[in-house]
Amino acid sequence: MTAPNPAPTAFAPPEVIVVTTKRVMCDGGGGALGHPRVWYDMGTDTHVECGYCDRRFVLKGSKDDPAAG
C-alpha cells in the first residue's frame, strides 16, 4: 500500500515591507513580472496592502511591524 499524496502546499504569505513613511509605492517588484506603479496612503492606519500583489507595507515601530513584536 502506498502513502496518499500529500495535500498541496499553501501559498506563501504575502511579502511584508517595513517602511518609515505612510505614503508608499508598489510596482510588484518591477520588470516583466511586476504591475503598474500604484501609490497608497495609510491615513490613520499603520499598514496598507497592495491591491495587485498583496504586498503588505507596515509602518516601522508600529503594532504591525514584525520586528516590534
PDB file of N, CA and C in Angstrom:
ATOM      1  N   MET A   1       0.842  -1.163   0.000  1.00  0.00           N
ATOM      2  CA  MET A   1       0.000   0.000   0.000  1.00  0.00           C
ATOM      3  C   MET A   1       0.897   1.238   0.000  1.00  0.00           C
ATOM      4  N   THR A   2       0.561   2.191  -0.818  1.00  0.00           N
ATOM      5  CA  THR A   2       1.356   3.410  -0.893  1.00  0.00           C
ATOM      6  C   THR A   2       0.698   4.523  -0.088  1.00  0.00           C
ATOM      7  N   ALA A   3       1.528   5.436   0.346  1.00  0.00           N
ATOM      8  CA  ALA A   3       1.012   6.575   1.111  1.00  0.00           C
ATOM      9  C   ALA A   3       0.229   7.491   0.174  1.00  0.00           C
ATOM     10  N   PRO A   4      -0.843   8.089   0.666  1.00  0.00           N
ATOM     11  CA  PRO A   4      -1.603   9.014  -0.184  1.00  0.00           C
ATOM     12  C   PRO A   4      -0.772  10.250  -0.503  1.00  0.00           C
ATOM     13  N   ASN A   5      -1.116  10.875  -1.602  1.00  0.00           N
ATOM     14  CA  ASN A   5      -0.413  12.104  -1.976  1.00  0.00           C
ATOM     15  C   ASN A   5      -0.656  13.169  -0.911  1.00  0.00           C
ATOM     16  N   PRO A   6       0.384  13.885  -0.532  1.00  0.00           N
ATOM     17  CA  PRO A   6       0.181  14.954   0.456  1.00  0.00           C
ATOM     18  C   PRO A   6      -0.668  16.075  -0.140  1.00  0.00           C
ATOM     19  N   ALA A   7      -1.332  16.805   0.722  1.00  0.00           N
ATOM     20  CA  ALA A   7      -2.137  17.943   0.267  1.00  0.00           C
ATOM     21  C   ALA A   7      -1.216  18.975  -0.368  1.00  0.00           C
ATOM     22  N   PRO A   8      -1.725  19.677  -1.362  1.00  0.00           N
ATOM     23  CA  PRO A   8      -0.880  20.710  -1.968  1.00  0.00           C
ATOM     24  C   PRO A   8      -0.470  21.740  -0.926  1.00  0.00           C
ATOM     25  N   THR A   9       0.726  22.245  -1.090  1.00  0.00           N
ATOM     26  CA  THR A   9       1.209  23.232  -0.125  1.00  0.00           C
ATOM     27  C   THR A   9       0.456  24.540  -0.307  1.00  0.00           C
ATOM     28  N   ALA A  10       0.265  25.237   0.780  1.00  0.00           N
ATOM     29  CA  ALA A  10      -0.424  26.522   0.737  1.00  0.00           C
ATOM     30  C   ALA A  10       0.482  27.568   0.100  1.00  0.00           C
ATOM     31  N   PHE A  11      -0.132  28.606  -0.399  1.00  0.00           N
ATOM     32  CA  PHE A  11       0.643  29.705  -0.968  1.00  0.00           C
ATOM     33  C   PHE A  11       1.451  30.373   0.131  1.00  0.00           C
ATOM     34  N   ALA A  12       2.582  30.898  -0.253  1.00  0.00           N
ATOM     35  CA  ALA A  12       3.408  31.637   0.706  1.00  0.00           C
ATOM     36  C   ALA A  12       2.660  32.902   1.123  1.00  0.00           C
ATOM     37  N   PRO A  13       2.838  33.332   2.364  1.00  0.00           N
ATOM     38  CA  PRO A  13       2.163  34.566   2.792  1.00  0.00           C
ATOM     39  C   PRO A  13       2.706  35.758   2.008  1.00  0.00           C
ATOM     40  N   PRO A  14       1.904  36.803   1.867  1.00  0.00           N
ATOM     41  CA  PRO A  14       2.379  37.981   1.132  1.00  0.00           C
ATOM     42  C   PRO A  14       3.624  38.583   1.777  1.00  0.00           C
ATOM     43  N   GLU A  15       4.431  39.205   0.960  1.00  0.00           N
ATOM     44  CA  GLU A  15       5.650  39.855   1.436  1.00  0.00           C
ATOM     45  C   GLU A  15       5.287  41.038   2.333  1.00  0.00           C
ATOM     46  N   VAL A  16       6.006  41.192   3.435  1.00  0.00           N
ATOM     47  CA  VAL A  16       5.816  42.329   4.338  1.00  0.00           C
ATOM     48  C   VAL A  16       7.016  43.252   4.180  1.00  0.00           C
ATOM     49  N   ILE A  17       6.741  44.521   3.911  1.00  0.00           N
ATOM     50  CA  ILE A  17       7.794  45.511   3.737  1.00  0.00           C
ATOM     51  C   ILE A  17       7.612  46.577   4.808  1.00  0.00           C
ATOM     52  N   VAL A  18       8.634  46.760   5.633  1.00  0.00           N
ATOM     53  CA  VAL A  18       8.592  47.761   6.695  1.00  0.00           C
ATOM     54  C   VAL A  18       9.059  49.091   6.108  1.00  0.00           C
ATOM     55  N   VAL A  19       8.257  50.134   6.327  1.00  0.00           N
ATOM     56  CA  VAL A  19       8.547  51.449   5.752  1.00  0.00           C
ATOM     57  C   VAL A  19       8.564  52.514   6.845  1.00  0.00           C
ATOM     58  N   THR A  20       9.129  53.660   6.523  1.00  0.00           N
ATOM     59  CA  THR A  20       9.208  54.748   7.503  1.00  0.00           C
ATOM     60  C   THR A  20       8.275  55.903   7.169  1.00  0.00           C
ATOM     61  N   THR A  21       7.533  55.807   6.067  1.00  0.00           N
ATOM     62  CA  THR A  21       6.568  56.841   5.698  1.00  0.00           C
ATOM     63  C   THR A  21       5.207  56.205   5.478  1.00  0.00           C
ATOM     64  N   LYS A  22       4.162  56.985   5.614  1.00  0.00           N
ATOM     65  CA  LYS A  22       2.806  56.463   5.445  1.00  0.00           C
ATOM     66  C   LYS A  22       2.366  56.453   3.982  1.00  0.00           C
ATOM     67  N   ARG A  23       3.137  57.056   3.109  1.00  0.00           N
ATOM     68  CA  ARG A  23       2.837  57.032   1.673  1.00  0.00           C
ATOM     69  C   ARG A  23       3.852  56.111   1.012  1.00  0.00           C
ATOM     70  N   VAL A  24       3.355  55.079   0.331  1.00  0.00           N
ATOM     71  CA  VAL A  24       4.234  54.066  -0.253  1.00  0.00           C
ATOM     72  C   VAL A  24       3.866  53.821  -1.713  1.00  0.00           C
ATOM     73  N   MET A  25       4.834  53.321  -2.461  1.00  0.00           N
ATOM     74  CA  MET A  25       4.649  52.974  -3.858  1.00  0.00           C
ATOM     75  C   MET A  25       4.914  51.488  -4.034  1.00  0.00           C
ATOM     76  N   CYS A  26       4.117  50.847  -4.878  1.00  0.00           N
ATOM     77  CA  CYS A  26       4.342  49.432  -5.184  1.00  0.00           C
ATOM     78  C   CYS A  26       4.262  49.244  -6.694  1.00  0.00           C
ATOM     79  N   ASP A  27       5.202  48.453  -7.219  1.00  0.00           N
ATOM     80  CA  ASP A  27       5.170  48.090  -8.637  1.00  0.00           C
ATOM     81  C   ASP A  27       5.293  46.578  -8.801  1.00  0.00           C
ATOM     82  N   GLY A  28       5.085  45.862  -7.710  1.00  0.00           N
ATOM     83  CA  GLY A  28       5.130  44.407  -7.764  1.00  0.00           C
ATOM     84  C   GLY A  28       6.514  43.835  -7.965  1.00  0.00           C
ATOM     85  N   GLY A  29       7.530  44.623  -7.794  1.00  0.00           N
ATOM     86  CA  GLY A  29       8.887  44.132  -7.979  1.00  0.00           C
ATOM     87  C   GLY A  29       9.495  44.585  -9.284  1.00  0.00           C
ATOM     88  N   GLY A  30       8.724  45.273 -10.100  1.00  0.00           N
ATOM     89  CA  GLY A  30       9.240  45.816 -11.351  1.00  0.00           C
ATOM     90  C   GLY A  30       9.476  44.754 -12.404  1.00  0.00           C
ATOM     91  N   GLY A  31       9.973  45.188 -13.516  1.00  0.00           N
ATOM     92  CA  GLY A  31      10.273  44.277 -14.614  1.00  0.00           C
ATOM     93  C   GLY A  31       9.023  43.653 -15.213  1.00  0.00           C
ATOM     94  N   ALA A  32       9.226  42.611 -15.971  1.00  0.00           N
ATOM     95  CA  ALA A  32       8.130  41.943 -16.666  1.00  0.00           C
ATOM     96  C   ALA A  32       7.149  41.268 -15.717  1.00  0.00           C
ATOM     97  N   LEU A  33       7.583  40.948 -14.513  1.00  0.00           N
ATOM     98  CA  LEU A  33       6.706  40.255 -13.569  1.00  0.00           C
ATOM     99  C   LEU A  33       5.984  41.212 -12.621  1.00  0.00           C
ATOM    100  N   GLY A  34       6.179  42.502 -12.790  1.00  0.00           N
ATOM    101  CA  GLY A  34       5.570  43.479 -11.896  1.00  0.00           C
ATOM    102  C   GLY A  34       4.152  43.838 -12.322  1.00  0.00           C
ATOM    103  N   HIS A  35       3.691  44.976 -11.835  1.00  0.00           N
ATOM    104  CA  HIS A  35       2.373  45.503 -12.190  1.00  0.00           C
ATOM    105  C   HIS A  35       2.487  47.016 -12.294  1.00  0.00           C
ATOM    106  N   PRO A  36       1.434  47.698 -12.740  1.00  0.00           N
ATOM    107  CA  PRO A  36       1.525  49.160 -12.826  1.00  0.00           C
ATOM    108  C   PRO A  36       1.898  49.772 -11.479  1.00  0.00           C
ATOM    109  N   ARG A  37       2.645  50.849 -11.524  1.00  0.00           N
ATOM    110  CA  ARG A  37       3.051  51.542 -10.297  1.00  0.00           C
ATOM    111  C   ARG A  37       1.814  52.183  -9.667  1.00  0.00           C
ATOM    112  N   VAL A  38       1.601  51.891  -8.394  1.00  0.00           N
ATOM    113  CA  VAL A  38       0.480  52.465  -7.653  1.00  0.00           C
ATOM    114  C   VAL A  38       0.991  53.046  -6.344  1.00  0.00           C
ATOM    115  N   TRP A  39       0.324  54.084  -5.879  1.00  0.00           N
ATOM    116  CA  TRP A  39       0.684  54.740  -4.627  1.00  0.00           C
ATOM    117  C   TRP A  39      -0.429  54.516  -3.621  1.00  0.00           C
ATOM    118  N   TYR A  40      -0.050  54.297  -2.376  1.00  0.00           N
ATOM    119  CA  TYR A  40      -1.015  54.106  -1.288  1.00  0.00           C
ATOM    120  C   TYR A  40      -0.661  55.029  -0.135  1.00  0.00           C
ATOM    121  N   ASP A  41      -1.686  55.498   0.556  1.00  0.00           N
ATOM    122  CA  ASP A  41      -1.506  56.316   1.751  1.00  0.00           C
ATOM    123  C   ASP A  41      -2.194  55.588   2.895  1.00  0.00           C
ATOM    124  N   MET A  42      -1.482  55.364   3.991  1.00  0.00           N
ATOM    125  CA  MET A  42      -2.029  54.622   5.126  1.00  0.00           C
ATOM    126  C   MET A  42      -3.088  55.402   5.894  1.00  0.00           C
ATOM    127  N   GLY A  43      -3.104  56.708   5.749  1.00  0.00           N
ATOM    128  CA  GLY A  43      -4.060  57.503   6.510  1.00  0.00           C
ATOM    129  C   GLY A  43      -3.820  57.328   8.002  1.00  0.00           C
ATOM    130  N   THR A  44      -4.853  56.950   8.748  1.00  0.00           N
ATOM    131  CA  THR A  44      -4.709  56.766  10.196  1.00  0.00           C
ATOM    132  C   THR A  44      -4.252  55.357  10.558  1.00  0.00           C
ATOM    133  N   ASP A  45      -4.181  54.457   9.576  1.00  0.00           N
ATOM    134  CA  ASP A  45      -3.730  53.082   9.830  1.00  0.00           C
ATOM    135  C   ASP A  45      -2.207  53.014   9.877  1.00  0.00           C
ATOM    136  N   THR A  46      -1.689  51.855  10.276  1.00  0.00           N
ATOM    137  CA  THR A  46      -0.239  51.645  10.312  1.00  0.00           C
ATOM    138  C   THR A  46       0.194  50.584   9.308  1.00  0.00           C
ATOM    139  N   HIS A  47      -0.709  50.240   8.392  1.00  0.00           N
ATOM    140  CA  HIS A  47      -0.376  49.295   7.331  1.00  0.00           C
ATOM    141  C   HIS A  47      -1.304  49.527   6.141  1.00  0.00           C
ATOM    142  N   VAL A  48      -0.892  49.019   4.994  1.00  0.00           N
ATOM    143  CA  VAL A  48      -1.712  49.054   3.789  1.00  0.00           C
ATOM    144  C   VAL A  48      -1.281  47.878   2.924  1.00  0.00           C
ATOM    145  N   GLU A  49      -2.229  47.297   2.166  1.00  0.00           N
ATOM    146  CA  GLU A  49      -1.920  46.169   1.286  1.00  0.00           C
ATOM    147  C   GLU A  49      -2.115  46.579  -0.164  1.00  0.00           C
ATOM    148  N   CYS A  50      -1.224  46.109  -1.020  1.00  0.00           N
ATOM    149  CA  CYS A  50      -1.317  46.388  -2.446  1.00  0.00           C
ATOM    150  C   CYS A  50      -2.488  45.610  -3.038  1.00  0.00           C
ATOM    151  N   GLY A  51      -3.303  46.296  -3.802  1.00  0.00           N
ATOM    152  CA  GLY A  51      -4.449  45.661  -4.435  1.00  0.00           C
ATOM    153  C   GLY A  51      -4.079  44.730  -5.580  1.00  0.00           C
ATOM    154  N   TYR A  52      -2.860  44.841  -6.098  1.00  0.00           N
ATOM    155  CA  TYR A  52      -2.412  43.978  -7.181  1.00  0.00           C
ATOM    156  C   TYR A  52      -1.716  42.720  -6.672  1.00  0.00           C
ATOM    157  N   CYS A  53      -0.720  42.891  -5.814  1.00  0.00           N
ATOM    158  CA  CYS A  53       0.144  41.756  -5.454  1.00  0.00           C
ATOM    159  C   CYS A  53       0.055  41.353  -3.986  1.00  0.00           C
ATOM    160  N   ASP A  54      -0.774  42.027  -3.209  1.00  0.00           N
ATOM    161  CA  ASP A  54      -0.983  41.716  -1.790  1.00  0.00           C
ATOM    162  C   ASP A  54       0.218  42.000  -0.897  1.00  0.00           C
ATOM    163  N   ARG A  55       1.242  42.664  -1.413  1.00  0.00           N
ATOM    164  CA  ARG A  55       2.338  43.065  -0.520  1.00  0.00           C
ATOM    165  C   ARG A  55       1.746  43.898   0.604  1.00  0.00           C
ATOM    166  N   ARG A  56       2.288  43.715   1.786  1.00  0.00           N
ATOM    167  CA  ARG A  56       1.793  44.453   2.955  1.00  0.00           C
ATOM    168  C   ARG A  56       2.890  45.412   3.397  1.00  0.00           C
ATOM    169  N   PHE A  57       2.584  46.675   3.410  1.00  0.00           N
ATOM    170  CA  PHE A  57       3.510  47.710   3.853  1.00  0.00           C
ATOM    171  C   PHE A  57       3.118  48.094   5.273  1.00  0.00           C
ATOM    172  N   VAL A  58       4.067  48.001   6.211  1.00  0.00           N
ATOM    173  CA  VAL A  58       3.785  48.324   7.611  1.00  0.00           C
ATOM    174  C   VAL A  58       4.728  49.418   8.082  1.00  0.00           C
ATOM    175  N   LEU A  59       4.203  50.278   8.929  1.00  0.00           N
ATOM    176  CA  LEU A  59       4.977  51.395   9.449  1.00  0.00           C
ATOM    177  C   LEU A  59       5.950  50.897  10.515  1.00  0.00           C
ATOM    178  N   LYS A  60       7.207  51.262  10.370  1.00  0.00           N
ATOM    179  CA  LYS A  60       8.256  50.836  11.303  1.00  0.00           C
ATOM    180  C   LYS A  60       7.903  51.260  12.729  1.00  0.00           C
ATOM    181  N   GLY A  61       8.046  50.328  13.668  1.00  0.00           N
ATOM    182  CA  GLY A  61       7.791  50.593  15.075  1.00  0.00           C
ATOM    183  C   GLY A  61       6.330  50.508  15.478  1.00  0.00           C
ATOM    184  N   SER A  62       5.436  50.275  14.519  1.00  0.00           N
ATOM    185  CA  SER A  62       4.009  50.183  14.830  1.00  0.00           C
ATOM    186  C   SER A  62       3.665  48.791  15.344  1.00  0.00           C
ATOM    187  N   LYS A  63       2.436  48.623  15.779  1.00  0.00           N
ATOM    188  CA  LYS A  63       1.977  47.314  16.261  1.00  0.00           C
ATOM    189  C   LYS A  63       2.003  46.268  15.147  1.00  0.00           C
ATOM    190  N   ASP A  64       1.988  46.707  13.889  1.00  0.00           N
ATOM    191  CA  ASP A  64       2.013  45.783  12.754  1.00  0.00           C
ATOM    192  C   ASP A  64       3.426  45.407  12.316  1.00  0.00           C
ATOM    193  N   ASP A  65       4.432  46.080  12.846  1.00  0.00           N
ATOM    194  CA  ASP A  65       5.831  45.823  12.491  1.00  0.00           C
ATOM    195  C   ASP A  65       6.263  44.490  13.099  1.00  0.00           C
ATOM    196  N   PRO A  66       6.650  43.511  12.259  1.00  0.00           N
ATOM    197  CA  PRO A  66       7.068  42.207  12.793  1.00  0.00           C
ATOM    198  C   PRO A  66       8.244  42.311  13.767  1.00  0.00           C
ATOM    199  N   ALA A  67       9.119  43.284  13.583  1.00  0.00           N
ATOM    200  CA  ALA A  67      10.284  43.436  14.457  1.00  0.00           C
ATOM    201  C   ALA A  67       9.922  44.077  15.792  1.00  0.00           C
ATOM    202  N   ALA A  68       8.761  44.713  15.861  1.00  0.00           N
ATOM    203  CA  ALA A  68       8.365  45.404  17.096  1.00  0.00           C
ATOM    204  C   ALA A  68       7.672  44.463  18.073  1.00  0.00           C
ATOM    205  N   GLY A  69       7.335  43.252  17.605  1.00  0.00           N
ATOM    206  CA  GLY A  69       6.575  42.300  18.415  1.00  0.00           C
ATOM    207  C   GLY A  69       7.315  41.835  19.592  1.00  0.00           C
TER     208      GLY A  69
END
